[in-house]
Amino acid sequence: MATFAEQIGAKIRMYRIEKNLTQEQLVESIGMAATYLGQIERGEKNTKLNTIEKIAYALDMSVYDLFLNEQEGHLQKKK
């Protein structure tokens, strides 16, 4: 089972790719090193919530969307 950091990182990567952004393009908008974003996406680094907020904002999404697990997402779509 993936760790929480790996789950969040995978979601960041998924949303970044959906927005057709490279790591370099995303980090340029938030002032972060591409290597650090790569480590976050792979779940190798834990990061501060304000960094997660910056990433979510740059991806035009809410922090809530990153923390929502898939089961909760399916329940909300049914409502």
N, C-alpha and C. Protein backbone atom coordinates (compact mmCIF):
# COMPACT_ATOMS: atom_id res chain seq x y z
N MET A 1 0.84 -1.18 0.00
CA MET A 1 0.00 0.00 0.00
C MET A 1 0.89 1.25 0.00
N ALA A 2 0.51 2.21 -0.78
CA ALA A 2 1.28 3.43 -0.90
C ALA A 2 1.17 4.27 0.37
N THR A 3 2.24 4.96 0.69
CA THR A 3 2.22 5.86 1.83
C THR A 3 1.37 7.08 1.47
N PHE A 4 1.02 7.86 2.48
CA PHE A 4 0.24 9.07 2.27
C PHE A 4 0.99 10.03 1.35
N ALA A 5 2.30 10.19 1.58
CA ALA A 5 3.12 11.08 0.75
C ALA A 5 3.13 10.60 -0.70
N GLU A 6 3.18 9.29 -0.92
CA GLU A 6 3.16 8.74 -2.27
C GLU A 6 1.80 8.99 -2.94
N GLN A 7 0.73 8.87 -2.18
CA GLN A 7 -0.62 9.10 -2.73
C GLN A 7 -0.78 10.56 -3.15
N ILE A 8 -0.36 11.48 -2.29
CA ILE A 8 -0.47 12.91 -2.61
C ILE A 8 0.42 13.24 -3.80
N GLY A 9 1.63 12.73 -3.79
CA GLY A 9 2.56 12.97 -4.89
C GLY A 9 2.02 12.46 -6.22
N ALA A 10 1.42 11.29 -6.20
CA ALA A 10 0.84 10.72 -7.42
C ALA A 10 -0.30 11.60 -7.94
N LYS A 11 -1.10 12.15 -7.02
CA LYS A 11 -2.18 13.04 -7.44
C LYS A 11 -1.64 14.33 -8.03
N ILE A 12 -0.59 14.87 -7.42
CA ILE A 12 0.03 16.08 -7.96
C ILE A 12 0.52 15.80 -9.38
N ARG A 13 1.21 14.69 -9.57
CA ARG A 13 1.70 14.33 -10.90
C ARG A 13 0.55 14.17 -11.89
N MET A 14 -0.51 13.48 -11.47
CA MET A 14 -1.66 13.24 -12.34
C MET A 14 -2.30 14.56 -12.78
N TYR A 15 -2.54 15.46 -11.82
CA TYR A 15 -3.16 16.74 -12.16
C TYR A 15 -2.22 17.60 -13.02
N ARG A 16 -0.92 17.54 -12.74
CA ARG A 16 0.05 18.30 -13.53
C ARG A 16 0.03 17.83 -14.98
N ILE A 17 0.02 16.53 -15.18
CA ILE A 17 0.01 15.97 -16.53
C ILE A 17 -1.32 16.30 -17.22
N GLU A 18 -2.43 16.23 -16.49
CA GLU A 18 -3.73 16.59 -17.07
C GLU A 18 -3.75 18.03 -17.57
N LYS A 19 -3.00 18.90 -16.89
CA LYS A 19 -2.91 20.31 -17.28
C LYS A 19 -1.83 20.54 -18.34
N ASN A 20 -1.24 19.45 -18.82
CA ASN A 20 -0.17 19.51 -19.83
C ASN A 20 0.99 20.40 -19.40
N LEU A 21 1.37 20.25 -18.14
CA LEU A 21 2.50 21.00 -17.59
C LEU A 21 3.68 20.07 -17.32
N THR A 22 4.86 20.55 -17.64
CA THR A 22 6.06 19.82 -17.23
C THR A 22 6.36 20.21 -15.79
N GLN A 23 7.25 19.46 -15.17
CA GLN A 23 7.67 19.84 -13.82
C GLN A 23 8.30 21.22 -13.84
N GLU A 24 9.09 21.50 -14.85
CA GLU A 24 9.76 22.80 -14.95
C GLU A 24 8.76 23.94 -15.05
N GLN A 25 7.69 23.74 -15.83
CA GLN A 25 6.68 24.79 -15.97
C GLN A 25 5.95 25.03 -14.65
N LEU A 26 5.64 23.95 -13.95
CA LEU A 26 4.93 24.09 -12.68
C LEU A 26 5.81 24.78 -11.64
N VAL A 27 7.05 24.35 -11.51
CA VAL A 27 7.92 24.94 -10.48
C VAL A 27 8.26 26.38 -10.78
N GLU A 28 8.29 26.74 -12.05
CA GLU A 28 8.57 28.13 -12.40
C GLU A 28 7.48 29.05 -11.84
N SER A 29 6.25 28.56 -11.83
CA SER A 29 5.14 29.40 -11.35
C SER A 29 5.08 29.48 -9.83
N ILE A 30 5.76 28.57 -9.13
CA ILE A 30 5.69 28.59 -7.66
C ILE A 30 7.05 28.79 -6.99
N GLY A 31 8.10 28.91 -7.78
CA GLY A 31 9.41 29.19 -7.20
C GLY A 31 10.00 28.04 -6.42
N MET A 32 10.04 26.88 -7.04
CA MET A 32 10.56 25.68 -6.39
C MET A 32 11.51 25.00 -7.37
N ALA A 33 12.44 24.23 -6.86
CA ALA A 33 13.34 23.47 -7.72
C ALA A 33 12.61 22.25 -8.30
N ALA A 34 12.86 21.98 -9.56
CA ALA A 34 12.21 20.84 -10.23
C ALA A 34 12.57 19.52 -9.55
N THR A 35 13.78 19.41 -9.05
CA THR A 35 14.18 18.17 -8.38
C THR A 35 13.35 17.95 -7.11
N TYR A 36 13.04 19.04 -6.42
CA TYR A 36 12.23 18.93 -5.20
C TYR A 36 10.80 18.50 -5.55
N LEU A 37 10.24 19.07 -6.60
CA LEU A 37 8.90 18.65 -7.03
C LEU A 37 8.90 17.18 -7.42
N GLY A 38 9.94 16.75 -8.10
CA GLY A 38 10.04 15.34 -8.46
C GLY A 38 10.05 14.44 -7.24
N GLN A 39 10.74 14.86 -6.20
CA GLN A 39 10.78 14.09 -4.96
C GLN A 39 9.40 14.06 -4.29
N ILE A 40 8.69 15.18 -4.35
CA ILE A 40 7.32 15.22 -3.79
C ILE A 40 6.42 14.29 -4.59
N GLU A 41 6.49 14.35 -5.91
CA GLU A 41 5.65 13.51 -6.76
C GLU A 41 5.92 12.02 -6.54
N ARG A 42 7.14 11.66 -6.23
CA ARG A 42 7.48 10.26 -5.97
C ARG A 42 7.22 9.84 -4.53
N GLY A 43 6.82 10.79 -3.69
CA GLY A 43 6.55 10.49 -2.29
C GLY A 43 7.80 10.34 -1.46
N GLU A 44 8.92 10.86 -1.96
CA GLU A 44 10.19 10.75 -1.24
C GLU A 44 10.37 11.86 -0.21
N LYS A 45 9.67 12.95 -0.39
CA LYS A 45 9.78 14.10 0.53
C LYS A 45 8.43 14.44 1.10
N ASN A 46 8.42 14.71 2.39
CA ASN A 46 7.25 15.32 3.01
C ASN A 46 7.44 16.82 2.86
N THR A 47 6.38 17.52 2.64
CA THR A 47 6.50 18.94 2.44
C THR A 47 5.50 19.69 3.30
N LYS A 48 5.71 20.97 3.44
CA LYS A 48 4.83 21.80 4.26
C LYS A 48 3.49 21.99 3.56
N LEU A 49 2.48 22.22 4.37
CA LEU A 49 1.15 22.44 3.81
C LEU A 49 1.10 23.68 2.93
N ASN A 50 1.87 24.70 3.27
CA ASN A 50 1.83 25.89 2.42
C ASN A 50 2.42 25.61 1.04
N THR A 51 3.34 24.68 0.94
CA THR A 51 3.88 24.27 -0.36
C THR A 51 2.82 23.50 -1.14
N ILE A 52 2.10 22.63 -0.45
CA ILE A 52 1.00 21.89 -1.09
C ILE A 52 -0.05 22.89 -1.59
N GLU A 53 -0.31 23.91 -0.79
CA GLU A 53 -1.28 24.94 -1.19
C GLU A 53 -0.81 25.67 -2.45
N LYS A 54 0.46 26.01 -2.53
CA LYS A 54 1.01 26.68 -3.71
C LYS A 54 0.88 25.79 -4.95
N ILE A 55 1.19 24.52 -4.78
CA ILE A 55 1.09 23.58 -5.90
C ILE A 55 -0.36 23.47 -6.36
N ALA A 56 -1.27 23.30 -5.42
CA ALA A 56 -2.69 23.19 -5.77
C ALA A 56 -3.17 24.45 -6.49
N TYR A 57 -2.79 25.61 -5.98
CA TYR A 57 -3.18 26.88 -6.60
C TYR A 57 -2.65 26.97 -8.03
N ALA A 58 -1.40 26.57 -8.22
CA ALA A 58 -0.79 26.61 -9.55
C ALA A 58 -1.46 25.63 -10.51
N LEU A 59 -2.04 24.57 -9.97
CA LEU A 59 -2.75 23.58 -10.78
C LEU A 59 -4.23 23.93 -10.93
N ASP A 60 -4.63 25.07 -10.37
CA ASP A 60 -6.02 25.55 -10.44
C ASP A 60 -6.98 24.54 -9.82
N MET A 61 -6.62 24.11 -8.61
CA MET A 61 -7.45 23.15 -7.88
C MET A 61 -7.38 23.48 -6.40
N SER A 62 -8.18 22.81 -5.62
CA SER A 62 -8.15 23.04 -4.18
C SER A 62 -7.25 22.02 -3.49
N VAL A 63 -6.75 22.39 -2.35
CA VAL A 63 -5.97 21.46 -1.53
C VAL A 63 -6.84 20.27 -1.17
N TYR A 64 -8.11 20.54 -0.93
CA TYR A 64 -9.06 19.49 -0.59
C TYR A 64 -9.03 18.38 -1.64
N ASP A 65 -8.96 18.75 -2.92
CA ASP A 65 -8.94 17.75 -3.99
C ASP A 65 -7.73 16.82 -3.88
N LEU A 66 -6.61 17.35 -3.43
CA LEU A 66 -5.42 16.51 -3.28
C LEU A 66 -5.56 15.52 -2.12
N PHE A 67 -6.27 15.95 -1.07
CA PHE A 67 -6.39 15.11 0.11
C PHE A 67 -7.61 14.19 0.08
N LEU A 68 -8.51 14.43 -0.85
CA LEU A 68 -9.70 13.60 -0.99
C LEU A 68 -9.29 12.22 -1.49
N ASN A 69 -9.71 11.19 -0.77
CA ASN A 69 -9.36 9.86 -1.28
C ASN A 69 -10.39 9.44 -2.33
N GLU A 70 -10.04 8.48 -3.14
CA GLU A 70 -10.88 8.10 -4.27
C GLU A 70 -12.26 7.63 -3.84
N GLN A 71 -12.34 6.93 -2.74
CA GLN A 71 -13.63 6.44 -2.26
C GLN A 71 -14.54 7.61 -1.90
N GLU A 72 -14.01 8.63 -1.23
CA GLU A 72 -14.80 9.81 -0.90
C GLU A 72 -15.21 10.55 -2.16
N GLY A 73 -14.33 10.58 -3.15
CA GLY A 73 -14.64 11.26 -4.40
C GLY A 73 -15.81 10.61 -5.10
N HIS A 74 -15.85 9.28 -5.09
CA HIS A 74 -16.95 8.57 -5.73
C HIS A 74 -18.26 8.83 -4.97
N LEU A 75 -18.21 8.90 -3.65
CA LEU A 75 -19.40 9.18 -2.86
C LEU A 75 -19.93 10.57 -3.16
N GLN A 76 -19.04 11.55 -3.30
CA GLN A 76 -19.46 12.92 -3.55
C GLN A 76 -20.07 13.05 -4.95
N LYS A 77 -19.55 12.32 -5.92
CA LYS A 77 -20.09 12.37 -7.28
C LYS A 77 -21.50 11.81 -7.34
N LYS A 78 -21.82 10.86 -6.46
CA LYS A 78 -23.15 10.26 -6.43
C LYS A 78 -24.20 11.18 -5.85
N LYS A 79 -23.77 12.14 -5.01
CA LYS A 79 -24.72 13.04 -4.35
C LYS A 79 -25.35 14.01 -5.31
